[in-house]
C-alpha atoms as a PDB file:
ATOM      1  CA  UNK A   1     134.001 150.288 -54.973  1.00  0.00           C
ATOM      2  CA  UNK A   2     133.129 147.897 -52.152  1.00  0.00           C
ATOM      3  CA  UNK A   3     129.575 146.593 -52.157  1.00  0.00           C
ATOM      4  CA  UNK A   4     127.142 148.654 -50.091  1.00  0.00           C
ATOM      5  CA  UNK A   5     124.842 147.031 -47.539  1.00  0.00           C
ATOM      6  CA  UNK A   6     122.132 148.771 -45.518  1.00  0.00           C
ATOM      7  CA  UNK A   7     121.497 147.019 -42.186  1.00  0.00           C
ATOM      8  CA  UNK A   8     118.226 147.826 -40.407  1.00  0.00           C
ATOM      9  CA  UNK A   9     118.431 146.991 -36.691  1.00  0.00           C
ATOM     10  CA  UNK A  10     115.162 146.756 -34.742  1.00  0.00           C
ATOM     11  CA  UNK A  11     114.646 149.038 -31.741  1.00  0.00           C
ATOM     12  CA  UNK A  12     113.582 146.004 -29.745  1.00  0.00           C
ATOM     13  CA  UNK A  13     116.982 144.432 -30.492  1.00  0.00           C
ATOM     14  CA  UNK A  14     118.434 146.825 -27.928  1.00  0.00           C
ATOM     15  CA  UNK A  15     116.129 145.503 -25.206  1.00  0.00           C
ATOM     16  CA  UNK A  16     116.558 141.814 -24.449  1.00  0.00           C
ATOM     17  CA  UNK A  17     113.766 141.534 -21.874  1.00  0.00           C
ATOM     18  CA  UNK A  18     111.893 143.497 -19.208  1.00  0.00           C
ATOM     19  CA  UNK A  19     114.795 143.069 -16.797  1.00  0.00           C
ATOM     20  CA  UNK A  20     117.299 144.674 -19.172  1.00  0.00           C
ATOM     21  CA  UNK A  21     115.804 148.001 -20.216  1.00  0.00           C
ATOM     22  CA  UNK A  22     118.245 150.528 -18.736  1.00  0.00           C
ATOM     23  CA  UNK A  23     120.459 152.738 -20.882  1.00  0.00           C
ATOM     24  CA  UNK A  24     123.457 150.596 -19.901  1.00  0.00           C
ATOM     25  CA  UNK A  25     121.599 147.429 -20.912  1.00  0.00           C
ATOM     26  CA  UNK A  26     120.781 148.975 -24.284  1.00  0.00           C
ATOM     27  CA  UNK A  27     124.390 150.082 -24.740  1.00  0.00           C
ATOM     28  CA  UNK A  28     125.620 146.558 -24.085  1.00  0.00           C
ATOM     29  CA  UNK A  29     123.067 145.147 -26.545  1.00  0.00           C
ATOM     30  CA  UNK A  30     124.187 147.679 -29.158  1.00  0.00           C
ATOM     31  CA  UNK A  31     127.741 146.523 -28.526  1.00  0.00           C
ATOM     32  CA  UNK A  32     126.833 142.909 -29.245  1.00  0.00           C
ATOM     33  CA  UNK A  33     125.247 143.865 -32.565  1.00  0.00           C
ATOM     34  CA  UNK A  34     128.202 146.108 -33.414  1.00  0.00           C
ATOM     35  CA  UNK A  35     130.513 143.115 -33.048  1.00  0.00           C
ATOM     36  CA  UNK A  36     128.727 141.375 -35.913  1.00  0.00           C
ATOM     37  CA  UNK A  37     128.472 144.538 -38.029  1.00  0.00           C
ATOM     38  CA  UNK A  38     132.228 145.000 -37.657  1.00  0.00           C
ATOM     39  CA  UNK A  39     132.658 141.508 -39.057  1.00  0.00           C
ATOM     40  CA  UNK A  40     130.699 142.526 -42.143  1.00  0.00           C
ATOM     41  CA  UNK A  41     132.858 145.628 -42.586  1.00  0.00           C
ATOM     42  CA  UNK A  42     135.952 143.452 -42.201  1.00  0.00           C
ATOM     43  CA  UNK A  43     134.659 141.302 -45.053  1.00  0.00           C
ATOM     44  CA  UNK A  44     134.967 144.336 -47.321  1.00  0.00           C
ATOM     45  CA  UNK A  45     131.486 145.874 -47.344  1.00  0.00           C
ATOM     46  CA  UNK A  46     130.571 149.537 -47.081  1.00  0.00           C
ATOM     47  CA  UNK A  47     127.844 149.784 -44.435  1.00  0.00           C
ATOM     48  CA  UNK A  48     124.943 152.045 -43.504  1.00  0.00           C
ATOM     49  CA  UNK A  49     123.139 151.183 -40.272  1.00  0.00           C
ATOM     50  CA  UNK A  50     119.554 152.168 -39.574  1.00  0.00           C
ATOM     51  CA  UNK A  51     117.612 151.353 -36.422  1.00  0.00           C
ATOM     52  CA  UNK A  52     114.203 151.287 -34.810  1.00  0.00           C
ATOM     53  CA  UNK A  53     113.256 153.365 -31.774  1.00  0.00           C
ATOM     54  CA  UNK A  54     109.744 152.314 -30.725  1.00  0.00           C
ATOM     55  CA  UNK A  55     110.486 151.370 -27.103  1.00  0.00           C
ATOM     56  CA  UNK A  56     112.874 154.279 -26.652  1.00  0.00           C
ATOM     57  CA  UNK A  57     110.350 156.869 -27.869  1.00  0.00           C
ATOM     58  CA  UNK A  58     107.827 155.261 -25.520  1.00  0.00           C
ATOM     59  CA  UNK A  59     110.232 155.796 -22.610  1.00  0.00           C
ATOM     60  CA  UNK A  60     110.647 159.494 -23.441  1.00  0.00           C
ATOM     61  CA  UNK A  61     106.905 159.994 -23.744  1.00  0.00           C
ATOM     62  CA  UNK A  62     106.316 158.260 -20.408  1.00  0.00           C
ATOM     63  CA  UNK A  63     108.963 160.415 -18.687  1.00  0.00           C
ATOM     64  CA  UNK A  64     107.388 163.471 -20.260  1.00  0.00           C
ATOM     65  CA  UNK A  65     103.949 162.458 -19.014  1.00  0.00           C
ATOM     66  CA  UNK A  66     105.169 161.799 -15.462  1.00  0.00           C
ATOM     67  CA  UNK A  67     106.963 165.163 -15.351  1.00  0.00           C
ATOM     68  CA  UNK A  68     104.278 167.235 -17.069  1.00  0.00           C
ATOM     69  CA  UNK A  69     103.424 169.186 -13.905  1.00  0.00           C
ATOM     70  CA  UNK A  70     106.964 170.530 -13.524  1.00  0.00           C
ATOM     71  CA  UNK A  71     108.468 170.457 -17.017  1.00  0.00           C
ATOM     72  CA  UNK A  72     107.384 170.982 -20.604  1.00  0.00           C
ATOM     73  CA  UNK A  73     106.360 167.932 -22.602  1.00  0.00           C
ATOM     74  CA  UNK A  74     108.412 166.704 -25.553  1.00  0.00           C
ATOM     75  CA  UNK A  75     106.910 166.877 -29.079  1.00  0.00           C
ATOM     76  CA  UNK A  76     106.934 163.610 -30.979  1.00  0.00           C
ATOM     77  CA  UNK A  77     109.299 164.767 -33.734  1.00  0.00           C
ATOM     78  CA  UNK A  78     111.786 165.823 -31.046  1.00  0.00           C
ATOM     79  CA  UNK A  79     111.423 162.394 -29.415  1.00  0.00           C
ATOM     80  CA  UNK A  80     112.505 160.808 -32.681  1.00  0.00           C
ATOM     81  CA  UNK A  81     115.441 163.209 -32.955  1.00  0.00           C
ATOM     82  CA  UNK A  82     116.450 162.505 -29.335  1.00  0.00           C
ATOM     83  CA  UNK A  83     116.463 158.751 -29.903  1.00  0.00           C
ATOM     84  CA  UNK A  84     118.380 159.099 -33.170  1.00  0.00           C
ATOM     85  CA  UNK A  85     121.127 160.884 -31.273  1.00  0.00           C
ATOM     86  CA  UNK A  86     121.149 158.542 -28.276  1.00  0.00           C
ATOM     87  CA  UNK A  87     120.977 155.246 -30.161  1.00  0.00           C
ATOM     88  CA  UNK A  88     123.278 156.554 -32.876  1.00  0.00           C
ATOM     89  CA  UNK A  89     125.820 157.434 -30.191  1.00  0.00           C
ATOM     90  CA  UNK A  90     125.612 153.931 -28.725  1.00  0.00           C
ATOM     91  CA  UNK A  91     125.997 152.202 -32.085  1.00  0.00           C
ATOM     92  CA  UNK A  92     128.761 154.518 -33.311  1.00  0.00           C
ATOM     93  CA  UNK A  93     130.806 154.265 -30.124  1.00  0.00           C
ATOM     94  CA  UNK A  94     130.514 150.507 -29.694  1.00  0.00           C
ATOM     95  CA  UNK A  95     131.299 149.969 -33.378  1.00  0.00           C
ATOM     96  CA  UNK A  96     134.332 152.267 -33.234  1.00  0.00           C
ATOM     97  CA  UNK A  97     135.535 150.433 -30.116  1.00  0.00           C
ATOM     98  CA  UNK A  98     135.165 147.114 -31.920  1.00  0.00           C
ATOM     99  CA  UNK A  99     137.149 148.433 -34.874  1.00  0.00           C
ATOM    100  CA  UNK A 100     139.891 149.500 -32.485  1.00  0.00           C
ATOM    101  CA  UNK A 101     139.908 146.052 -30.880  1.00  0.00           C
ATOM    102  CA  UNK A 102     140.305 144.482 -34.308  1.00  0.00           C
ATOM    103  CA  UNK A 103     142.990 147.033 -35.246  1.00  0.00           C
ATOM    104  CA  UNK A 104     140.818 148.347 -38.080  1.00  0.00           C
ATOM    105  CA  UNK A 105     141.142 152.020 -39.008  1.00  0.00           C
ATOM    106  CA  UNK A 106     137.536 152.979 -39.788  1.00  0.00           C
ATOM    107  CA  UNK A 107     135.460 156.012 -38.823  1.00  0.00           C
ATOM    108  CA  UNK A 108     131.755 156.013 -37.901  1.00  0.00           C
ATOM    109  CA  UNK A 109     129.347 158.968 -38.104  1.00  0.00           C
ATOM    110  CA  UNK A 110     125.741 159.329 -36.968  1.00  0.00           C
ATOM    111  CA  UNK A 111     123.481 161.538 -39.083  1.00  0.00           C
ATOM    112  CA  UNK A 112     120.324 162.958 -37.506  1.00  0.00           C
ATOM    113  CA  UNK A 113     117.997 162.370 -40.427  1.00  0.00           C
ATOM    114  CA  UNK A 114     114.801 164.085 -41.575  1.00  0.00           C
ATOM    115  CA  UNK A 115     112.344 162.302 -43.865  1.00  0.00           C
ATOM    116  CA  UNK A 116     109.801 164.254 -45.887  1.00  0.00           C
ATOM    117  CA  UNK A 117     106.241 162.958 -45.906  1.00  0.00           C
ATOM    118  CA  UNK A 118     103.265 164.192 -47.915  1.00  0.00           C
ATOM    119  CA  UNK A 119     101.153 166.639 -45.929  1.00  0.00           C
ATOM    120  CA  UNK A 120      98.110 165.125 -47.704  1.00  0.00           C
ATOM    121  CA  UNK A 121      99.025 161.523 -46.889  1.00  0.00           C
ATOM    122  CA  UNK A 122      95.791 159.653 -46.009  1.00  0.00           C
ATOM    123  CA  UNK A 123      97.428 158.477 -42.770  1.00  0.00           C
ATOM    124  CA  UNK A 124      96.952 161.955 -41.309  1.00  0.00           C
ATOM    125  CA  UNK A 125      93.197 161.567 -41.706  1.00  0.00           C
ATOM    126  CA  UNK A 126      93.211 158.197 -39.951  1.00  0.00           C
ATOM    127  CA  UNK A 127      95.906 158.036 -37.234  1.00  0.00           C
ATOM    128  CA  UNK A 128      96.322 154.399 -36.235  1.00  0.00           C
ATOM    129  CA  UNK A 129      99.815 153.898 -34.789  1.00  0.00           C
ATOM    130  CA  UNK A 130      99.699 153.563 -30.954  1.00  0.00           C
ATOM    131  CA  UNK A 131     102.548 155.277 -29.118  1.00  0.00           C
ATOM    132  CA  UNK A 132     103.520 156.013 -25.552  1.00  0.00           C
ATOM    133  CA  UNK A 133     101.957 154.878 -22.274  1.00  0.00           C
ATOM    134  CA  UNK A 134      98.455 153.656 -21.467  1.00  0.00           C
ATOM    135  CA  UNK A 135      95.955 156.092 -19.922  1.00  0.00           C
ATOM    136  CA  UNK A 136      92.606 155.919 -18.208  1.00  0.00           C
ATOM    137  CA  UNK A 137      89.742 156.995 -20.434  1.00  0.00           C
ATOM    138  CA  UNK A 138      89.411 160.229 -18.449  1.00  0.00           C
ATOM    139  CA  UNK A 139      93.086 161.169 -18.789  1.00  0.00           C
ATOM    140  CA  UNK A 140      93.170 160.200 -22.457  1.00  0.00           C
ATOM    141  CA  UNK A 141      90.193 162.390 -23.291  1.00  0.00           C
ATOM    142  CA  UNK A 142      91.701 165.242 -21.292  1.00  0.00           C
ATOM    143  CA  UNK A 143      94.827 165.050 -23.462  1.00  0.00           C
ATOM    144  CA  UNK A 144      92.647 164.909 -26.560  1.00  0.00           C
ATOM    145  CA  UNK A 145      90.833 168.081 -25.559  1.00  0.00           C
ATOM    146  CA  UNK A 146      93.816 169.992 -24.182  1.00  0.00           C
ATOM    147  CA  UNK A 147      96.480 169.005 -26.715  1.00  0.00           C
ATOM    148  CA  UNK A 148      94.584 167.837 -29.779  1.00  0.00           C
ATOM    149  CA  UNK A 149      95.644 164.207 -29.493  1.00  0.00           C
ATOM    150  CA  UNK A 150      93.744 161.413 -31.192  1.00  0.00           C
ATOM    151  CA  UNK A 151      93.177 158.670 -28.600  1.00  0.00           C
ATOM    152  CA  UNK A 152      91.733 155.182 -28.858  1.00  0.00           C
ATOM    153  CA  UNK A 153      91.033 152.249 -26.584  1.00  0.00           C
ATOM    154  CA  UNK A 154      93.697 149.597 -27.136  1.00  0.00           C
ATOM    155  CA  UNK A 155      92.502 145.974 -26.937  1.00  0.00           C
ATOM    156  CA  UNK A 156      91.036 146.311 -23.455  1.00  0.00           C
ATOM    157  CA  UNK A 157      94.374 147.364 -21.962  1.00  0.00           C
ATOM    158  CA  UNK A 158      93.588 151.061 -21.647  1.00  0.00           C
ATOM    159  CA  UNK A 159      93.633 154.155 -23.815  1.00  0.00           C
ATOM    160  CA  UNK A 160      96.596 155.310 -25.900  1.00  0.00           C
ATOM    161  CA  UNK A 161      97.534 158.134 -28.159  1.00  0.00           C
ATOM    162  CA  UNK A 162      97.527 157.181 -31.843  1.00  0.00           C
ATOM    163  CA  UNK A 163      99.396 159.051 -34.545  1.00  0.00           C
ATOM    164  CA  UNK A 164      99.744 158.962 -38.302  1.00  0.00           C
ATOM    165  CA  UNK A 165     102.281 156.678 -39.975  1.00  0.00           C
ATOM    166  CA  UNK A 166     102.719 158.296 -43.407  1.00  0.00           C
ATOM    167  CA  UNK A 167     104.776 156.988 -46.306  1.00  0.00           C
ATOM    168  CA  UNK A 168     108.384 158.223 -46.527  1.00  0.00           C
ATOM    169  CA  UNK A 169     108.875 160.279 -49.695  1.00  0.00           C
ATOM    170  CA  UNK A 170     112.328 161.867 -49.514  1.00  0.00           C
ATOM    171  CA  UNK A 171     115.314 161.607 -47.186  1.00  0.00           C
ATOM    172  CA  UNK A 172     116.659 165.119 -46.677  1.00  0.00           C
ATOM    173  CA  UNK A 173     120.213 164.113 -45.781  1.00  0.00           C
ATOM    174  CA  UNK A 174     120.730 161.565 -48.601  1.00  0.00           C
ATOM    175  CA  UNK A 175     123.536 163.583 -50.211  1.00  0.00           C
ATOM    176  CA  UNK A 176     125.313 164.026 -46.867  1.00  0.00           C
ATOM    177  CA  UNK A 177     125.119 160.278 -46.201  1.00  0.00           C
ATOM    178  CA  UNK A 178     126.434 159.516 -49.698  1.00  0.00           C
ATOM    179  CA  UNK A 179     129.323 161.965 -49.194  1.00  0.00           C
ATOM    180  CA  UNK A 180     130.325 160.218 -45.963  1.00  0.00           C
ATOM    181  CA  UNK A 181     130.245 156.843 -47.702  1.00  0.00           C
ATOM    182  CA  UNK A 182     132.528 158.181 -50.430  1.00  0.00           C
ATOM    183  CA  UNK A 183     135.042 158.976 -47.672  1.00  0.00           C
ATOM    184  CA  UNK A 184     134.814 155.347 -46.505  1.00  0.00           C
ATOM    185  CA  UNK A 185     132.948 156.312 -43.328  1.00  0.00           C
ATOM    186  CA  UNK A 186     130.411 153.923 -41.777  1.00  0.00           C
ATOM    187  CA  UNK A 187     127.105 155.783 -41.359  1.00  0.00           C
ATOM    188  CA  UNK A 188     124.267 155.465 -38.834  1.00  0.00           C
ATOM    189  CA  UNK A 189     121.163 157.159 -40.269  1.00  0.00           C
ATOM    190  CA  UNK A 190     117.359 157.238 -40.618  1.00  0.00           C
ATOM    191  CA  UNK A 191     116.899 156.192 -36.987  1.00  0.00           C
ATOM    192  CA  UNK A 192     113.322 155.300 -36.116  1.00  0.00           C
ATOM    193  CA  UNK A 193     112.260 155.794 -39.728  1.00  0.00           C
ATOM    194  CA  UNK A 194     113.545 159.359 -39.687  1.00  0.00           C
ATOM    195  CA  UNK A 195     112.190 162.566 -38.186  1.00  0.00           C
ATOM    196  CA  UNK A 196     108.895 163.141 -40.037  1.00  0.00           C
ATOM    197  CA  UNK A 197     108.762 166.552 -41.705  1.00  0.00           C
ATOM    198  CA  UNK A 198     106.579 168.230 -44.299  1.00  0.00           C
ATOM    199  CA  UNK A 199     107.471 170.895 -46.821  1.00  0.00           C
ATOM    200  CA  UNK A 200     105.629 174.179 -46.357  1.00  0.00           C
ATOM    201  CA  UNK A 201     104.482 176.452 -49.190  1.00  0.00           C
ATOM    202  CA  UNK A 202     107.849 178.256 -49.312  1.00  0.00           C
ATOM    203  CA  UNK A 203     109.801 174.983 -49.362  1.00  0.00           C
ATOM    204  CA  UNK A 204     110.954 175.107 -45.751  1.00  0.00           C
ATOM    205  CA  UNK A 205     110.596 172.063 -43.509  1.00  0.00           C
ATOM    206  CA  UNK A 206     108.460 171.586 -40.407  1.00  0.00           C
ATOM    207  CA  UNK A 207     108.259 168.599 -38.069  1.00  0.00           C
ATOM    208  CA  UNK A 208     104.936 166.806 -37.669  1.00  0.00           C
ATOM    209  CA  UNK A 209     103.600 164.459 -34.938  1.00  0.00           C
ATOM    210  CA  UNK A 210     103.879 161.163 -36.788  1.00  0.00           C
ATOM    211  CA  UNK A 211     106.030 158.033 -36.958  1.00  0.00           C
ATOM    212  CA  UNK A 212     107.483 156.538 -40.121  1.00  0.00           C
ATOM    213  CA  UNK A 213     107.918 152.801 -40.490  1.00  0.00           C
ATOM    214  CA  UNK A 214     111.620 152.044 -39.983  1.00  0.00           C
ATOM    215  CA  UNK A 215     111.763 149.330 -42.646  1.00  0.00           C
ATOM    216  CA  UNK A 216     110.070 151.511 -45.276  1.00  0.00           C
ATOM    217  CA  UNK A 217     112.451 154.392 -44.630  1.00  0.00           C
ATOM    218  CA  UNK A 218     115.450 152.035 -44.601  1.00  0.00           C
ATOM    219  CA  UNK A 219     114.296 150.582 -47.920  1.00  0.00           C
ATOM    220  CA  UNK A 220     114.028 154.092 -49.404  1.00  0.00           C
ATOM    221  CA  UNK A 221     117.540 154.931 -48.223  1.00  0.00           C
ATOM    222  CA  UNK A 222     118.955 151.662 -49.568  1.00  0.00           C
ATOM    223  CA  UNK A 223     117.276 152.311 -52.913  1.00  0.00           C
ATOM    224  CA  UNK A 224     118.475 155.921 -53.129  1.00  0.00           C
ATOM    225  CA  UNK A 225     122.050 154.888 -52.322  1.00  0.00           C
ATOM    226  CA  UNK A 226     121.841 152.031 -54.862  1.00  0.00           C
ATOM    227  CA  UNK A 227     122.830 149.473 -52.251  1.00  0.00           C
ATOM    228  CA  UNK A 228     123.270 145.911 -53.468  1.00  0.00           C
ATOM    229  CA  UNK A 229     122.094 144.341 -50.249  1.00  0.00           C
ATOM    230  CA  UNK A 230     119.471 145.163 -47.613  1.00  0.00           C
ATOM    231  CA  UNK A 231     119.565 143.278 -44.310  1.00  0.00           C
ATOM    232  CA  UNK A 232     116.629 143.477 -41.888  1.00  0.00           C
ATOM    233  CA  UNK A 233     117.607 142.440 -38.381  1.00  0.00           C
ATOM    234  CA  UNK A 234     114.676 141.185 -36.310  1.00  0.00           C
ATOM    235  CA  UNK A 235     113.682 138.744 -33.547  1.00  0.00           C
ATOM    236  CA  UNK A 236     113.701 135.505 -35.572  1.00  0.00           C
ATOM    237  CA  UNK A 237     116.390 133.481 -37.359  1.00  0.00           C
ATOM    238  CA  UNK A 238     114.260 133.091 -40.479  1.00  0.00           C
ATOM    239  CA  UNK A 239     110.888 134.106 -41.879  1.00  0.00           C
ATOM    240  CA  UNK A 240     108.228 131.471 -41.258  1.00  0.00           C
ATOM    241  CA  UNK A 241     105.014 130.424 -42.957  1.00  0.00           C
ATOM    242  CA  UNK A 242     102.111 129.613 -40.611  1.00  0.00           C
ATOM    243  CA  UNK A 243     104.077 131.309 -37.844  1.00  0.00           C
ATOM    244  CA  UNK A 244     103.134 130.079 -34.374  1.00  0.00           C
ATOM    245  CA  UNK A 245     100.967 127.268 -35.754  1.00  0.00           C
ATOM    246  CA  UNK A 246     101.574 123.502 -35.674  1.00  0.00           C
ATOM    247  CA  UNK A 247     102.629 123.514 -39.327  1.00  0.00           C
ATOM    248  CA  UNK A 248     105.137 126.345 -38.987  1.00  0.00           C
ATOM    249  CA  UNK A 249     107.943 126.079 -41.533  1.00  0.00           C
ATOM    250  CA  UNK A 250     110.935 128.300 -42.133  1.00  0.00           C
ATOM    251  CA  UNK A 251     111.972 129.769 -45.463  1.00  0.00           C
ATOM    252  CA  UNK A 252     115.585 129.705 -46.589  1.00  0.00           C
ATOM    253  CA  UNK A 253     115.093 131.453 -49.946  1.00  0.00           C
ATOM    254  CA  UNK A 254     112.156 132.968 -51.789  1.00  0.00           C
ATOM    255  CA  UNK A 255     111.667 135.118 -54.850  1.00  0.00           C
ATOM    256  CA  UNK A 256     109.744 138.380 -54.992  1.00  0.00           C
ATOM    257  CA  UNK A 257     106.884 136.553 -56.711  1.00  0.00           C
ATOM    258  CA  UNK A 258     106.764 133.966 -53.919  1.00  0.00           C
ATOM    259  CA  UNK A 259     106.940 136.688 -51.258  1.00  0.00           C
ATOM    260  CA  UNK A 260     103.957 138.451 -52.847  1.00  0.00           C
ATOM    261  CA  UNK A 261     101.999 135.215 -52.979  1.00  0.00           C
ATOM    262  CA  UNK A 262     102.727 134.333 -49.347  1.00  0.00           C
ATOM    263  CA  UNK A 263     101.745 137.832 -48.264  1.00  0.00           C
ATOM    264  CA  UNK A 264      98.476 137.634 -50.213  1.00  0.00           C
ATOM    265  CA  UNK A 265      97.747 134.329 -48.450  1.00  0.00           C
ATOM    266  CA  UNK A 266      97.980 136.120 -45.100  1.00  0.00           C
ATOM    267  CA  UNK A 267     101.156 134.487 -43.796  1.00  0.00           C
ATOM    268  CA  UNK A 268     102.736 137.682 -42.461  1.00  0.00           C
ATOM    269  CA  UNK A 269     101.271 139.724 -39.578  1.00  0.00           C
ATOM    270  CA  UNK A 270     100.579 143.418 -40.337  1.00  0.00           C
ATOM    271  CA  UNK A 271     102.362 144.740 -37.257  1.00  0.00           C
ATOM    272  CA  UNK A 272     105.286 142.358 -37.437  1.00  0.00           C
ATOM    273  CA  UNK A 273     106.688 140.574 -40.503  1.00  0.00           C
ATOM    274  CA  UNK A 274     104.437 142.031 -43.212  1.00  0.00           C
ATOM    275  CA  UNK A 275     106.081 145.490 -43.385  1.00  0.00           C
ATOM    276  CA  UNK A 276     109.494 143.812 -43.554  1.00  0.00           C
ATOM    277  CA  UNK A 277     108.433 141.619 -46.468  1.00  0.00           C
ATOM    278  CA  UNK A 278     106.890 144.607 -48.237  1.00  0.00           C
ATOM    279  CA  UNK A 279     110.096 146.612 -47.751  1.00  0.00           C
ATOM    280  CA  UNK A 280     112.069 143.689 -49.185  1.00  0.00           C
ATOM    281  CA  UNK A 281     109.805 143.544 -52.234  1.00  0.00           C
ATOM    282  CA  UNK A 282     110.052 147.303 -52.795  1.00  0.00           C
ATOM    283  CA  UNK A 283     113.852 147.241 -52.544  1.00  0.00           C
ATOM    284  CA  UNK A 284     114.189 144.398 -55.054  1.00  0.00           C
ATOM    285  CA  UNK A 285     111.629 145.938 -57.409  1.00  0.00           C
ATOM    286  CA  UNK A 286     113.801 149.061 -57.503  1.00  0.00           C
ATOM    287  CA  UNK A 287     117.067 147.406 -58.461  1.00  0.00           C
ATOM    288  CA  UNK A 288     118.294 145.795 -55.236  1.00  0.00           C
ATOM    289  CA  UNK A 289     120.041 142.444 -55.552  1.00  0.00           C
ATOM    290  CA  UNK A 290     119.212 140.630 -52.300  1.00  0.00           C
ATOM    291  CA  UNK A 291     117.425 141.015 -48.959  1.00  0.00           C
ATOM    292  CA  UNK A 292     118.280 139.014 -45.846  1.00  0.00           C
ATOM    293  CA  UNK A 293     116.057 138.768 -42.771  1.00  0.00           C
ATOM    294  CA  UNK A 294     117.585 137.313 -39.595  1.00  0.00           C
ATOM    295  CA  UNK A 295     118.598 137.982 -35.979  1.00  0.00           C
ATOM    296  CA  UNK A 296     121.348 140.493 -35.059  1.00  0.00           C
ATOM    297  CA  UNK A 297     123.778 137.873 -33.760  1.00  0.00           C
ATOM    298  CA  UNK A 298     123.477 135.910 -37.012  1.00  0.00           C
ATOM    299  CA  UNK A 299     124.365 138.760 -39.375  1.00  0.00           C
ATOM    300  CA  UNK A 300     127.743 137.379 -40.447  1.00  0.00           C
ATOM    301  CA  UNK A 301     126.472 133.818 -40.859  1.00  0.00           C
ATOM    302  CA  UNK A 302     123.471 135.031 -42.836  1.00  0.00           C
ATOM    303  CA  UNK A 303     125.660 137.091 -45.134  1.00  0.00           C
ATOM    304  CA  UNK A 304     127.722 133.945 -45.761  1.00  0.00           C
ATOM    305  CA  UNK A 305     124.530 132.114 -46.746  1.00  0.00           C
ATOM    306  CA  UNK A 306     124.485 129.844 -43.708  1.00  0.00           C
ATOM    307  CA  UNK A 307     121.215 131.053 -42.152  1.00  0.00           C
ATOM    308  CA  UNK A 308     118.507 133.690 -42.456  1.00  0.00           C
ATOM    309  CA  UNK A 309     115.828 134.086 -45.103  1.00  0.00           C
ATOM    310  CA  UNK A 310     117.199 135.305 -48.436  1.00  0.00           C
ATOM    311  CA  UNK A 311     114.801 137.116 -50.784  1.00  0.00           C
ATOM    312  CA  UNK A 312     115.859 137.581 -54.412  1.00  0.00           C
ATOM    313  CA  UNK A 313     114.297 139.133 -57.557  1.00  0.00           C
END
C-alpha cells in the first residue's frame, strides 16, 4: 500500500496575524495549506491530517463569556468538538476543491475524535494550561466560586482559567479512521488533540474539562496507524538551536539521540518547540521512520528533502 503520513497542522497556522482572524480568513489559510497537502497526496502518499485549535477554542470561550447573561456557556469538551467540526470542514472542503482542480478523484472525511485520558492523571491535580480570555481578579474569582474553575494570574496580564493537560492514552475512533484509510479516503482527525474523555466504572465515556496536547495526540495516532512519516507543521522553516539568540543555528537533520541531548541542554522552549521534539522522539521510538518539522507552505519541499528539519532514529 501507499506510504502513510500523518500531518499535524498548527491551529495558529490558520491565523496569519491579528488583522486576519475572521472565519473567512481562516478558511483561506486552510486552503493554502490544503494546496500543499494535495501535492503530497499526488505524490502517492496516504494522508491523515490533524490540527490545533488553541485560538479557535479561545474565540468560542470569549463569545460564551460575553453572552453569558443571555445564553448558556459552552463546556470545554464541547468547544473542542465544535472546533473539530468547523476546522475539519474547512480543511476537507478546501482539500476536496483542490483535488477537483487537479482532476484527482479523492474523497476526504472529517472524524470528530475522542481521546481517552486517565482520570487519575496528575495533571488533574495541578491544572496549568491557560485557556480563554483574561479576567480581572474579581471576575476570575467569581468564576472560580460559581463554576469551580481553577484560575491563576498570568504574567501580569490578568487572570485566566487554567485546565489540566493530561496525557492521551487511547483514541476512540482509531478503527474508524483506519477503515477510511483502507478505502483510500483522506482523513482529518484528532483535532485540537482530541475531545478529552474518561472511562467511567461501567466503561462508558464522559467528557472532561481539559485540553490534550495536539502533537502528543497526533503522535499517538501516527503510532497506532503505523505511519511511516510524521510531519509537524509549525511557524518556522526549521528547528533551531539557541533560538532567538545571536548564535542561532538551524538543524537540517538530527537523530533521536541528538534530539534528546539538545532537549536536555534546554534548547527547546516548553510551550513551543519542546513538545514537538518530544512527540518526534516518541514516534520514532515506537517504530516510525522519519519526522519532519517545517512551515505549512514548505510541506512538499520538505518531503522532497529540500528544507525542514528531519529527525531520524
